[in-house]
Amino acid sequence: MSYENFLFSQLFMNHIESNDTQYQNLAYDLIHPEVLNHRELFLKSNYNTEINSEYDCIVNYLLNEV
């Protein structure tokens, strides 16, 4: 697993456990495809820039899109 995959999945899980989202009460096997989908959406999004750190880009995406 790459660092970026690990970082995204950890931040995603932290975000959905700490915020009221549609994914909050899903079982892990149901969340997995959602993490993969959102990672792809993030990579194609305007949040994925070189202006900010990778961490900040992912957090901004999660706060605004999930």
Protein backbone atom coordinates (compact mmCIF):
# COMPACT_ATOMS: atom_id res chain seq x y z
CA MET A 1 0.00 0.00 0.00
CA SER A 2 1.35 3.40 -0.89
CA TYR A 3 1.65 6.19 1.63
CA GLU A 4 -1.02 8.20 -0.21
CA ASN A 5 -3.50 5.28 -0.06
CA PHE A 6 -2.79 4.78 3.62
CA LEU A 7 -3.09 8.48 4.41
CA PHE A 8 -6.35 8.84 2.50
CA SER A 9 -7.95 5.78 4.08
CA GLN A 10 -6.90 6.78 7.60
CA LEU A 11 -8.12 10.35 7.18
CA PHE A 12 -11.36 9.13 5.61
CA MET A 13 -12.06 6.80 8.53
CA ASN A 14 -11.16 9.48 11.05
CA HIS A 15 -13.45 11.93 9.27
CA ILE A 16 -16.48 9.64 9.15
CA GLU A 17 -16.03 8.61 12.78
CA SER A 18 -15.80 12.23 13.92
CA ASN A 19 -18.50 13.80 11.74
CA ASP A 20 -22.10 13.13 10.88
CA THR A 21 -21.86 11.47 7.45
CA GLN A 22 -23.84 8.88 5.53
CA TYR A 23 -20.96 6.43 6.05
CA GLN A 24 -20.78 6.69 9.83
CA ASN A 25 -22.65 3.48 10.68
CA LEU A 26 -21.64 1.32 7.72
CA ALA A 27 -19.79 -1.94 8.24
CA TYR A 28 -16.14 -1.99 7.16
CA ASP A 29 -16.85 -4.21 4.15
CA LEU A 30 -19.36 -1.62 2.90
CA ILE A 31 -17.09 1.35 3.60
CA HIS A 32 -14.15 -0.09 1.63
CA PRO A 33 -15.62 0.57 -1.85
CA GLU A 34 -16.63 4.06 -0.70
CA VAL A 35 -13.07 4.84 0.40
CA LEU A 36 -11.76 3.69 -2.98
CA ASN A 37 -14.39 5.71 -4.83
CA HIS A 38 -13.71 8.88 -2.85
CA ARG A 39 -9.97 8.45 -3.30
CA GLU A 40 -10.46 8.41 -7.08
CA LEU A 41 -12.76 11.43 -6.87
CA PHE A 42 -10.19 13.24 -4.75
CA LEU A 43 -7.38 12.49 -7.20
CA LYS A 44 -9.43 14.01 -10.04
CA SER A 45 -10.67 16.96 -7.99
CA ASN A 46 -9.49 20.53 -7.63
CA TYR A 47 -8.60 19.73 -4.03
CA ASN A 48 -5.65 17.65 -5.22
CA THR A 49 -3.11 20.43 -5.75
CA GLU A 50 0.55 20.97 -5.17
CA ILE A 51 -0.12 24.25 -3.38
CA ASN A 52 -0.94 22.53 -0.08
CA SER A 53 0.42 19.42 1.57
CA GLU A 54 -1.11 16.11 0.63
CA TYR A 55 -2.58 15.88 4.12
CA ASP A 56 -4.22 19.32 3.84
CA CYS A 57 -5.57 18.57 0.37
CA ILE A 58 -7.21 15.36 1.57
CA VAL A 59 -8.64 17.00 4.70
CA ASN A 60 -10.09 19.84 2.60
CA TYR A 61 -11.69 17.34 0.25
CA LEU A 62 -13.20 15.35 3.12
CA LEU A 63 -14.54 18.42 4.89
CA ASN A 64 -16.21 19.72 1.75
CA GLU A 65 -17.24 16.58 -0.12
CA VAL A 66 -17.94 13.81 2.40
